[in-house]
Amino acid sequence: MHKNWPQMTGGLSDTIRELRGGAPEVMKAFSGMAQAALKANALDTKTKELVALAIAVAIRCDGCIAFHAEAAMKQGPTRDEVMETMGMAVYMGAGPSVMYAAQAVEAFDQFTEKSGG
């Protein structure tokens, strides 16, 4: 085991409680947004938690991974569903980097041309 994810959520929960006390209106609004986003509509809550988990992986947020892995597990996905979701996370984490790298090269080339280099 590389990281103890349940321990991470426990530790983060304590510090998030402190944040709630220090910025109550912001955290109340964040909580409301989370509830609205996770409400089952066209997508069920399980699917939404799997999406959140994939995004957590793609943006490389350990705490987000911990909380959404737990929340997804509580919605009952199969391991195959999680694995397929992780395939999308890998795809999306790498794909945007390819697109931004191409734009960075283009910008470099344009600045080089502009400077006469």
C-alpha atoms as a PDB file:
ATOM      1  CA  MET A   1       0.000   0.000   0.000  1.00  0.00           C
ATOM      2  CA  HIS A   2       1.433   3.363  -1.039  1.00  0.00           C
ATOM      3  CA  LYS A   3      -1.037   5.621   0.737  1.00  0.00           C
ATOM      4  CA  ASN A   4      -3.620   5.051   3.422  1.00  0.00           C
ATOM      5  CA  TRP A   5      -6.644   6.622   1.722  1.00  0.00           C
ATOM      6  CA  PRO A   6      -9.135   6.149   4.603  1.00  0.00           C
ATOM      7  CA  GLN A   7      -6.634   7.782   6.952  1.00  0.00           C
ATOM      8  CA  MET A   8      -6.249  10.630   4.472  1.00  0.00           C
ATOM      9  CA  THR A   9      -9.987  11.354   4.433  1.00  0.00           C
ATOM     10  CA  GLY A  10     -10.053  11.287   8.226  1.00  0.00           C
ATOM     11  CA  GLY A  11      -7.207  13.765   8.511  1.00  0.00           C
ATOM     12  CA  LEU A  12      -8.595  16.005   5.807  1.00  0.00           C
ATOM     13  CA  SER A  13     -12.048  15.939   7.381  1.00  0.00           C
ATOM     14  CA  ASP A  14     -10.584  17.484  10.524  1.00  0.00           C
ATOM     15  CA  THR A  15      -8.930  20.327   8.614  1.00  0.00           C
ATOM     16  CA  ILE A  16     -12.009  20.833   6.413  1.00  0.00           C
ATOM     17  CA  ARG A  17     -14.037  21.298   9.612  1.00  0.00           C
ATOM     18  CA  GLU A  18     -11.613  24.065  10.570  1.00  0.00           C
ATOM     19  CA  LEU A  19     -12.106  25.639   7.155  1.00  0.00           C
ATOM     20  CA  ARG A  20     -15.884  25.478   7.628  1.00  0.00           C
ATOM     21  CA  GLY A  21     -15.479  27.426  10.845  1.00  0.00           C
ATOM     22  CA  GLY A  22     -13.161  29.981   9.284  1.00  0.00           C
ATOM     23  CA  ALA A  23     -15.078  30.516   6.049  1.00  0.00           C
ATOM     24  CA  PRO A  24     -18.618  29.351   6.853  1.00  0.00           C
ATOM     25  CA  GLU A  25     -20.486  31.126   4.049  1.00  0.00           C
ATOM     26  CA  VAL A  26     -18.084  29.921   1.363  1.00  0.00           C
ATOM     27  CA  MET A  27     -18.120  26.358   2.656  1.00  0.00           C
ATOM     28  CA  LYS A  28     -21.934  26.389   2.962  1.00  0.00           C
ATOM     29  CA  ALA A  29     -22.132  27.486  -0.677  1.00  0.00           C
ATOM     30  CA  PHE A  30     -19.618  24.804  -1.695  1.00  0.00           C
ATOM     31  CA  SER A  31     -21.642  22.160   0.135  1.00  0.00           C
ATOM     32  CA  GLY A  32     -24.814  23.330  -1.612  1.00  0.00           C
ATOM     33  CA  MET A  33     -23.086  23.165  -4.978  1.00  0.00           C
ATOM     34  CA  ALA A  34     -21.881  19.634  -4.243  1.00  0.00           C
ATOM     35  CA  GLN A  35     -25.394  18.520  -3.275  1.00  0.00           C
ATOM     36  CA  ALA A  36     -26.882  20.043  -6.424  1.00  0.00           C
ATOM     37  CA  ALA A  37     -24.201  18.531  -8.650  1.00  0.00           C
ATOM     38  CA  LEU A  38     -24.582  15.057  -7.164  1.00  0.00           C
ATOM     39  CA  LYS A  39     -28.387  14.975  -7.269  1.00  0.00           C
ATOM     40  CA  ALA A  40     -29.589  12.218  -9.567  1.00  0.00           C
ATOM     41  CA  ASN A  41     -31.129  13.637 -12.710  1.00  0.00           C
ATOM     42  CA  ALA A  42     -30.159  12.546 -16.231  1.00  0.00           C
ATOM     43  CA  LEU A  43     -27.120  10.864 -14.643  1.00  0.00           C
ATOM     44  CA  ASP A  44     -27.429   8.773 -11.519  1.00  0.00           C
ATOM     45  CA  THR A  45     -25.313   9.535  -8.459  1.00  0.00           C
ATOM     46  CA  LYS A  46     -23.052   6.519  -9.050  1.00  0.00           C
ATOM     47  CA  THR A  47     -22.135   7.800 -12.503  1.00  0.00           C
ATOM     48  CA  LYS A  48     -21.557  11.293 -11.138  1.00  0.00           C
ATOM     49  CA  GLU A  49     -19.225   9.969  -8.439  1.00  0.00           C
ATOM     50  CA  LEU A  50     -17.307   7.972 -11.044  1.00  0.00           C
ATOM     51  CA  VAL A  51     -16.987  11.153 -13.128  1.00  0.00           C
ATOM     52  CA  ALA A  52     -15.746  13.028 -10.047  1.00  0.00           C
ATOM     53  CA  LEU A  53     -13.220  10.270  -9.383  1.00  0.00           C
ATOM     54  CA  ALA A  54     -11.972  10.432 -12.969  1.00  0.00           C
ATOM     55  CA  ILE A  55     -11.617  14.205 -12.749  1.00  0.00           C
ATOM     56  CA  ALA A  56      -9.762  13.839  -9.446  1.00  0.00           C
ATOM     57  CA  VAL A  57      -7.294  11.532 -11.177  1.00  0.00           C
ATOM     58  CA  ALA A  58      -6.939  13.776 -14.236  1.00  0.00           C
ATOM     59  CA  ILE A  59      -6.208  16.857 -12.100  1.00  0.00           C
ATOM     60  CA  ARG A  60      -4.033  14.850  -9.720  1.00  0.00           C
ATOM     61  CA  CYS A  61      -5.797  15.718  -6.446  1.00  0.00           C
ATOM     62  CA  ASP A  62      -5.031  13.133  -3.753  1.00  0.00           C
ATOM     63  CA  GLY A  63      -7.672  14.385  -1.335  1.00  0.00           C
ATOM     64  CA  CYS A  64     -10.273  14.452  -4.103  1.00  0.00           C
ATOM     65  CA  ILE A  65      -9.349  10.882  -5.054  1.00  0.00           C
ATOM     66  CA  ALA A  66      -9.754   9.771  -1.456  1.00  0.00           C
ATOM     67  CA  PHE A  67     -13.157  11.377  -0.918  1.00  0.00           C
ATOM     68  CA  HIS A  68     -14.597  10.417  -4.314  1.00  0.00           C
ATOM     69  CA  ALA A  69     -13.272   6.854  -4.180  1.00  0.00           C
ATOM     70  CA  GLU A  70     -15.115   6.452  -0.909  1.00  0.00           C
ATOM     71  CA  ALA A  71     -18.257   8.162  -2.203  1.00  0.00           C
ATOM     72  CA  ALA A  72     -18.197   6.108  -5.408  1.00  0.00           C
ATOM     73  CA  MET A  73     -17.756   2.873  -3.460  1.00  0.00           C
ATOM     74  CA  LYS A  74     -20.858   3.728  -1.434  1.00  0.00           C
ATOM     75  CA  GLN A  75     -22.843   3.962  -4.702  1.00  0.00           C
ATOM     76  CA  GLY A  76     -21.967   0.349  -5.561  1.00  0.00           C
ATOM     77  CA  PRO A  77     -20.044   0.369  -8.849  1.00  0.00           C
ATOM     78  CA  THR A  78     -18.306  -2.800  -9.920  1.00  0.00           C
ATOM     79  CA  ARG A  79     -14.518  -2.880 -10.059  1.00  0.00           C
ATOM     80  CA  ASP A  80     -14.836  -3.152 -13.846  1.00  0.00           C
ATOM     81  CA  GLU A  81     -16.825   0.107 -13.897  1.00  0.00           C
ATOM     82  CA  VAL A  82     -14.128   1.791 -11.812  1.00  0.00           C
ATOM     83  CA  MET A  83     -11.384   0.406 -14.070  1.00  0.00           C
ATOM     84  CA  GLU A  84     -13.155   1.628 -17.203  1.00  0.00           C
ATOM     85  CA  THR A  85     -13.629   5.034 -15.572  1.00  0.00           C
ATOM     86  CA  MET A  86      -9.899   5.097 -14.782  1.00  0.00           C
ATOM     87  CA  GLY A  87      -9.186   4.408 -18.451  1.00  0.00           C
ATOM     88  CA  MET A  88     -11.078   7.590 -19.290  1.00  0.00           C
ATOM     89  CA  ALA A  89      -9.190   9.500 -16.591  1.00  0.00           C
ATOM     90  CA  VAL A  90      -5.865   8.419 -18.058  1.00  0.00           C
ATOM     91  CA  TYR A  91      -7.031   9.329 -21.530  1.00  0.00           C
ATOM     92  CA  MET A  92      -8.241  12.772 -20.452  1.00  0.00           C
ATOM     93  CA  GLY A  93      -5.242  13.504 -18.261  1.00  0.00           C
ATOM     94  CA  ALA A  94      -2.897  12.884 -21.168  1.00  0.00           C
ATOM     95  CA  GLY A  95      -5.015  14.269 -24.017  1.00  0.00           C
ATOM     96  CA  PRO A  96      -5.239  17.844 -22.721  1.00  0.00           C
ATOM     97  CA  SER A  97      -1.489  17.854 -22.217  1.00  0.00           C
ATOM     98  CA  VAL A  98      -0.996  16.966 -25.882  1.00  0.00           C
ATOM     99  CA  MET A  99      -3.304  19.803 -26.937  1.00  0.00           C
ATOM    100  CA  TYR A 100      -1.610  22.377 -24.690  1.00  0.00           C
ATOM    101  CA  ALA A 101       1.849  21.205 -25.759  1.00  0.00           C
ATOM    102  CA  ALA A 102       0.907  21.786 -29.400  1.00  0.00           C
ATOM    103  CA  GLN A 103      -0.339  25.276 -28.527  1.00  0.00           C
ATOM    104  CA  ALA A 104       2.836  26.014 -26.550  1.00  0.00           C
ATOM    105  CA  VAL A 105       4.973  25.072 -29.556  1.00  0.00           C
ATOM    106  CA  GLU A 106       2.800  27.226 -31.791  1.00  0.00           C
ATOM    107  CA  ALA A 107       3.134  30.180 -29.394  1.00  0.00           C
ATOM    108  CA  PHE A 108       6.902  29.712 -29.180  1.00  0.00           C
ATOM    109  CA  ASP A 109       7.148  29.617 -32.977  1.00  0.00           C
ATOM    110  CA  GLN A 110       5.032  32.760 -33.334  1.00  0.00           C
ATOM    111  CA  PHE A 111       7.110  34.671 -30.757  1.00  0.00           C
ATOM    112  CA  THR A 112      10.284  33.473 -32.459  1.00  0.00           C
ATOM    113  CA  GLU A 113       9.043  34.691 -35.842  1.00  0.00           C
ATOM    114  CA  LYS A 114       7.982  38.027 -34.337  1.00  0.00           C
ATOM    115  CA  SER A 115      11.430  38.606 -32.799  1.00  0.00           C
ATOM    116  CA  GLY A 116      13.122  37.809 -36.087  1.00  0.00           C
ATOM    117  CA  GLY A 117      14.837  34.709 -34.704  1.00  0.00           C
END
